[in-house]
Amino acid sequence: MSGDIGQIQVGRPPVGVRPVAPVAPSPTPAAAPIVIPAGTGSSHRGRLLLIIGLAVVVIIIAVVVLTSLGGGSSTATPTPSTSPSPTAALQGKTLSSYFGQASGTDTTAPEAGLFKNIDEPAAITLPAALASAVGSDRVWLIFGQNELYGSSGQLLTASTVESRSVAVYSLNDVTAAQQAMQAWETATMTTDLAGFLGYDSTHPAATGFLDGTHNQASVRYLNFPYPDHSIDWGIVTGSNGQSYLVIAGSRQSMSAVIDTLAQ
């Protein structure tokens, strides 16, 4: 016994001391996991791309609209031209602009296919109804005729040039002039114009006037008896917009006047 006094058995608590149960350390609570709903990231990206795409389309449309309206660029104001426009220049053309100035009373033939402007001949007198329909701009021409026919109607090949007379009048009243010319046809035109145009009125090729065209212009004609001696007439619109009455002594001279007025 004495050997046990003052000794404390290892592993046993002293008398009167209540053993305390060991306290286990409290576990640290784990952080709540961040949960990302499935598909949310891709949906955001899709919406972002859609917004960007729409913005690009809107910008492109705005650029196109502004460009088409001229709002996308500045245009320099052109300097007004002091030169007359081609249309204004044509509208100002007179018959002397087409055929030159009158050069006297010489009726000898010019070169083939050319015109010579002469003073008014005494051999032509217009009916009263026609005279009131024509204007003040008028010319009397001599044409170099080289389309010539023999007595049997054969086309001659010789380089002969003869003169043919032509009269051109501006018109104040196209309808009245047309009606007056048609009435003159059936009255005394063939005899009235024989002296001016130089044909033999006793040898017409037909009993009345016929219809033809040249360079889209309508022509009425009567040959005596071939196209190198004829009455050709028509109302022709010039390049200046003016209407003219043309009376010519051959088909070739009529065609040449129409072509000249178209220039």
Protein backbone atom coordinates (compact mmCIF):
# COMPACT_ATOMS: atom_id res chain seq x y z
CA MET A 1 0.00 0.00 0.00
CA SER A 2 2.68 2.45 1.13
CA GLY A 3 4.25 2.06 -2.16
CA ASP A 4 1.12 3.27 -3.91
CA ILE A 5 0.75 6.56 -1.92
CA GLY A 6 1.51 9.69 -3.94
CA GLN A 7 1.56 7.86 -7.14
CA ILE A 8 -0.91 8.59 -9.85
CA GLN A 9 -1.67 5.93 -12.23
CA VAL A 10 -0.95 6.94 -15.67
CA GLY A 11 -4.01 7.23 -17.79
CA ARG A 12 -6.51 7.61 -15.01
CA PRO A 13 -7.69 11.03 -13.83
CA PRO A 14 -7.17 12.12 -10.23
CA VAL A 15 -9.93 11.45 -7.73
CA GLY A 16 -12.51 14.17 -7.69
CA VAL A 17 -11.64 15.45 -11.22
CA ARG A 18 -14.33 14.73 -13.80
CA PRO A 19 -12.84 13.88 -17.05
CA VAL A 20 -13.69 16.24 -19.89
CA ALA A 21 -14.48 14.69 -23.15
CA PRO A 22 -12.26 15.98 -25.91
CA VAL A 23 -13.94 18.60 -28.13
CA ALA A 24 -13.66 17.87 -31.76
CA PRO A 25 -12.85 20.95 -33.91
CA SER A 26 -15.91 22.32 -35.73
CA PRO A 27 -15.62 21.64 -39.41
CA THR A 28 -15.33 24.72 -41.64
CA PRO A 29 -18.47 24.96 -43.75
CA ALA A 30 -17.75 24.39 -47.40
CA ALA A 31 -18.41 27.34 -49.75
CA ALA A 32 -21.63 26.98 -51.67
CA PRO A 33 -20.83 26.07 -55.25
CA ILE A 34 -21.66 28.64 -57.99
CA VAL A 35 -24.14 27.06 -60.25
CA ILE A 36 -24.33 28.39 -63.83
CA PRO A 37 -27.55 27.43 -65.54
CA ALA A 38 -26.93 25.28 -68.50
CA GLY A 39 -26.93 27.18 -71.82
CA THR A 40 -26.91 30.69 -70.30
CA GLY A 41 -23.45 31.65 -71.63
CA SER A 42 -24.14 30.60 -75.22
CA SER A 43 -27.52 32.40 -75.16
CA HIS A 44 -25.84 35.65 -74.13
CA ARG A 45 -23.27 35.28 -76.89
CA GLY A 46 -26.00 34.63 -79.45
CA ARG A 47 -27.93 37.74 -78.44
CA LEU A 48 -24.75 39.82 -78.56
CA LEU A 49 -23.93 38.61 -82.05
CA LEU A 50 -27.49 39.30 -83.18
CA ILE A 51 -27.32 42.88 -81.84
CA ILE A 52 -23.98 43.46 -83.58
CA GLY A 53 -25.33 42.04 -86.85
CA LEU A 54 -28.41 44.26 -86.73
CA ALA A 55 -26.25 47.30 -86.03
CA VAL A 56 -24.06 46.52 -89.06
CA VAL A 57 -27.13 46.11 -91.30
CA VAL A 58 -28.57 49.43 -90.08
CA ILE A 59 -25.25 51.18 -90.78
CA ILE A 60 -25.05 49.71 -94.29
CA ILE A 61 -28.63 50.75 -95.09
CA ALA A 62 -27.96 54.27 -93.80
CA VAL A 63 -24.83 54.59 -95.97
CA VAL A 64 -26.68 53.37 -99.07
CA VAL A 65 -29.59 55.76 -98.50
CA LEU A 66 -27.32 58.74 -97.87
CA THR A 67 -25.25 57.93 -100.96
CA SER A 68 -28.30 57.60 -103.20
CA LEU A 69 -29.67 60.91 -101.93
CA GLY A 70 -26.36 62.63 -102.40
CA GLY A 71 -26.00 63.30 -98.72
CA GLY A 72 -22.86 61.25 -98.36
CA SER A 73 -20.68 63.45 -100.49
CA SER A 74 -20.30 67.08 -101.29
CA THR A 75 -20.71 68.15 -104.92
CA ALA A 76 -19.04 71.24 -106.22
CA THR A 77 -21.39 73.75 -107.80
CA PRO A 78 -20.65 73.84 -111.54
CA THR A 79 -19.64 77.13 -113.03
CA PRO A 80 -22.41 78.38 -115.34
CA SER A 81 -21.39 78.21 -118.98
CA THR A 82 -21.55 81.39 -121.00
CA SER A 83 -21.64 79.44 -124.28
CA PRO A 84 -25.05 78.76 -125.85
CA SER A 85 -26.27 75.20 -125.55
CA PRO A 86 -26.39 73.07 -128.74
CA THR A 87 -30.19 73.16 -128.62
CA ALA A 88 -30.27 76.95 -128.32
CA ALA A 89 -27.77 77.27 -131.17
CA LEU A 90 -29.89 75.05 -133.41
CA GLN A 91 -33.06 76.94 -132.55
CA GLY A 92 -31.35 80.12 -133.68
CA LYS A 93 -30.45 78.78 -137.12
CA THR A 94 -31.98 80.50 -140.12
CA LEU A 95 -32.10 79.36 -143.73
CA SER A 96 -28.97 81.35 -144.50
CA SER A 97 -27.24 79.33 -141.77
CA TYR A 98 -28.07 76.18 -143.72
CA PHE A 99 -27.52 77.44 -147.27
CA GLY A 100 -25.37 80.57 -147.03
CA GLN A 101 -26.10 84.14 -148.01
CA ALA A 102 -27.67 85.15 -151.31
CA SER A 103 -25.04 85.84 -153.95
CA GLY A 104 -26.98 87.61 -156.72
CA THR A 105 -28.93 86.38 -159.73
CA ASP A 106 -26.42 84.00 -161.32
CA THR A 107 -28.30 80.76 -162.07
CA THR A 108 -25.42 78.75 -163.55
CA ALA A 109 -24.97 75.38 -161.91
CA PRO A 110 -22.60 75.03 -158.95
CA GLU A 111 -20.61 71.87 -158.42
CA ALA A 112 -22.57 68.62 -158.36
CA GLY A 113 -24.55 68.19 -155.17
CA LEU A 114 -24.00 71.77 -153.94
CA PHE A 115 -26.31 74.75 -153.54
CA LYS A 116 -25.98 78.40 -154.50
CA ASN A 117 -28.22 80.93 -152.74
CA ILE A 118 -29.61 83.53 -155.19
CA ASP A 119 -31.85 86.57 -155.02
CA GLU A 120 -35.60 86.09 -155.32
CA PRO A 121 -36.53 85.23 -158.92
CA ALA A 122 -39.48 86.86 -160.65
CA ALA A 123 -40.64 83.54 -162.07
CA ILE A 124 -42.41 82.29 -158.95
CA THR A 125 -45.67 83.58 -157.50
CA LEU A 126 -47.48 81.85 -154.65
CA PRO A 127 -51.27 81.59 -154.38
CA ALA A 128 -52.75 84.01 -151.86
CA ALA A 129 -53.73 81.28 -149.38
CA LEU A 130 -50.18 79.92 -149.41
CA ALA A 131 -48.52 83.32 -149.28
CA SER A 132 -50.32 84.09 -146.01
CA ALA A 133 -49.11 80.85 -144.41
CA VAL A 134 -45.38 81.27 -145.10
CA GLY A 135 -42.95 83.24 -142.94
CA SER A 136 -40.33 85.85 -143.70
CA ASP A 137 -37.34 83.47 -143.62
CA ARG A 138 -36.96 82.17 -147.19
CA VAL A 139 -34.28 81.30 -149.74
CA TRP A 140 -34.10 80.58 -153.48
CA LEU A 141 -31.42 78.13 -154.47
CA ILE A 142 -29.64 76.76 -157.53
CA PHE A 143 -28.62 73.10 -157.14
CA GLY A 144 -25.90 71.23 -159.06
CA GLN A 145 -27.88 68.31 -160.60
CA ASN A 146 -25.86 65.34 -161.83
CA GLU A 147 -28.59 62.66 -161.71
CA LEU A 148 -29.70 62.96 -165.32
CA TYR A 149 -31.88 60.80 -167.57
CA GLY A 150 -31.91 60.31 -171.31
CA SER A 151 -34.94 60.60 -173.60
CA SER A 152 -35.71 56.90 -173.09
CA GLY A 153 -35.47 57.08 -169.31
CA GLN A 154 -31.96 55.65 -169.01
CA LEU A 155 -29.68 57.07 -166.31
CA LEU A 156 -26.82 58.93 -167.96
CA THR A 157 -23.28 58.21 -166.79
CA ALA A 158 -21.60 61.33 -168.21
CA SER A 159 -20.22 63.82 -165.68
CA THR A 160 -22.59 66.58 -166.80
CA VAL A 161 -23.97 68.99 -164.18
CA GLU A 162 -27.13 71.01 -164.74
CA SER A 163 -28.86 73.63 -162.60
CA ARG A 164 -32.15 73.00 -160.78
CA SER A 165 -34.15 75.63 -158.92
CA VAL A 166 -35.39 75.26 -155.33
CA ALA A 167 -37.50 77.51 -153.07
CA VAL A 168 -37.61 77.11 -149.28
CA TYR A 169 -40.02 79.03 -147.02
CA SER A 170 -40.42 79.05 -143.25
CA LEU A 171 -44.02 78.42 -142.19
CA ASN A 172 -46.22 80.33 -139.79
CA ASP A 173 -49.15 77.95 -140.26
CA VAL A 174 -48.30 74.37 -141.24
CA THR A 175 -51.91 73.23 -141.61
CA ALA A 176 -52.87 76.16 -143.83
CA ALA A 177 -49.77 75.64 -145.99
CA GLN A 178 -50.55 71.93 -146.40
CA GLN A 179 -54.12 72.67 -147.47
CA ALA A 180 -53.04 75.44 -149.84
CA MET A 181 -50.46 73.19 -151.54
CA GLN A 182 -52.98 70.37 -151.99
CA ALA A 183 -55.47 72.80 -153.52
CA TRP A 184 -52.75 74.23 -155.80
CA GLU A 185 -51.85 70.70 -156.99
CA THR A 186 -55.31 70.18 -158.50
CA ALA A 187 -55.53 73.71 -159.89
CA THR A 188 -52.66 75.42 -161.75
CA MET A 189 -49.45 74.31 -159.99
CA THR A 190 -47.98 72.47 -163.00
CA THR A 191 -48.24 75.51 -165.24
CA ASP A 192 -47.48 78.10 -162.54
CA LEU A 193 -44.14 76.54 -161.60
CA ALA A 194 -42.91 75.58 -165.08
CA GLY A 195 -40.99 78.82 -165.59
CA PHE A 196 -39.28 78.68 -162.17
CA LEU A 197 -38.45 74.95 -162.13
CA GLY A 198 -37.68 74.63 -165.85
CA TYR A 199 -39.64 71.53 -166.93
CA ASP A 200 -41.92 70.90 -169.91
CA SER A 201 -45.41 70.89 -168.41
CA THR A 202 -46.82 69.10 -171.47
CA HIS A 203 -45.03 65.85 -170.59
CA PRO A 204 -46.08 64.76 -167.10
CA ALA A 205 -45.39 61.13 -166.20
CA ALA A 206 -48.74 60.75 -164.41
CA THR A 207 -52.12 62.40 -164.21
CA GLY A 208 -51.60 63.52 -160.63
CA PHE A 209 -49.05 63.86 -157.84
CA LEU A 210 -47.63 60.77 -156.15
CA ASP A 211 -46.35 60.15 -152.61
CA GLY A 212 -42.75 59.48 -151.66
CA THR A 213 -40.40 59.82 -148.69
CA HIS A 214 -36.81 60.76 -148.06
CA ASN A 215 -35.04 60.70 -144.72
CA GLN A 216 -38.41 60.24 -142.94
CA ALA A 217 -39.87 63.34 -144.66
CA SER A 218 -43.02 63.01 -146.78
CA VAL A 219 -42.73 64.23 -150.37
CA ARG A 220 -45.31 64.85 -153.08
CA TYR A 221 -43.96 64.70 -156.64
CA LEU A 222 -44.79 64.71 -160.33
CA ASN A 223 -42.10 63.92 -162.91
CA PHE A 224 -41.79 65.58 -166.34
CA PRO A 225 -41.33 62.84 -167.38
CA TYR A 226 -38.34 61.61 -165.28
CA PRO A 227 -37.08 62.47 -161.76
CA ASP A 228 -34.42 64.90 -163.06
CA HIS A 229 -37.23 67.28 -164.09
CA SER A 230 -40.11 67.39 -161.63
CA ILE A 231 -42.15 69.22 -159.07
CA ASP A 232 -41.14 67.85 -155.67
CA TRP A 233 -42.62 69.50 -152.63
CA GLY A 234 -42.94 68.73 -148.93
CA ILE A 235 -43.17 70.24 -145.47
CA VAL A 236 -39.92 69.48 -143.70
CA THR A 237 -38.87 70.03 -140.08
CA GLY A 238 -35.34 71.37 -139.74
CA SER A 239 -32.85 70.54 -137.00
CA ASN A 240 -33.81 73.89 -135.43
CA GLY A 241 -37.40 72.69 -134.93
CA GLN A 242 -38.80 75.06 -137.58
CA SER A 243 -41.15 73.75 -140.29
CA TYR A 244 -40.32 74.64 -143.91
CA LEU A 245 -42.10 74.34 -147.23
CA VAL A 246 -39.70 73.06 -149.89
CA ILE A 247 -40.46 73.25 -153.62
CA ALA A 248 -37.76 71.67 -155.80
CA GLY A 249 -37.24 70.99 -159.52
CA SER A 250 -35.89 67.44 -159.20
CA ARG A 251 -35.79 64.45 -156.91
CA GLN A 252 -32.07 64.86 -156.25
CA SER A 253 -32.36 68.53 -155.30
CA MET A 254 -35.34 67.81 -153.02
CA SER A 255 -33.41 65.07 -151.22
CA ALA A 256 -30.38 67.35 -150.83
CA VAL A 257 -32.49 70.08 -149.20
CA ILE A 258 -34.06 67.61 -146.76
CA ASP A 259 -30.63 66.30 -145.78
CA THR A 260 -29.24 69.81 -145.34
CA LEU A 261 -32.11 70.92 -143.12
CA ALA A 262 -31.55 67.87 -140.92
CA GLN A 263 -27.99 69.00 -140.08
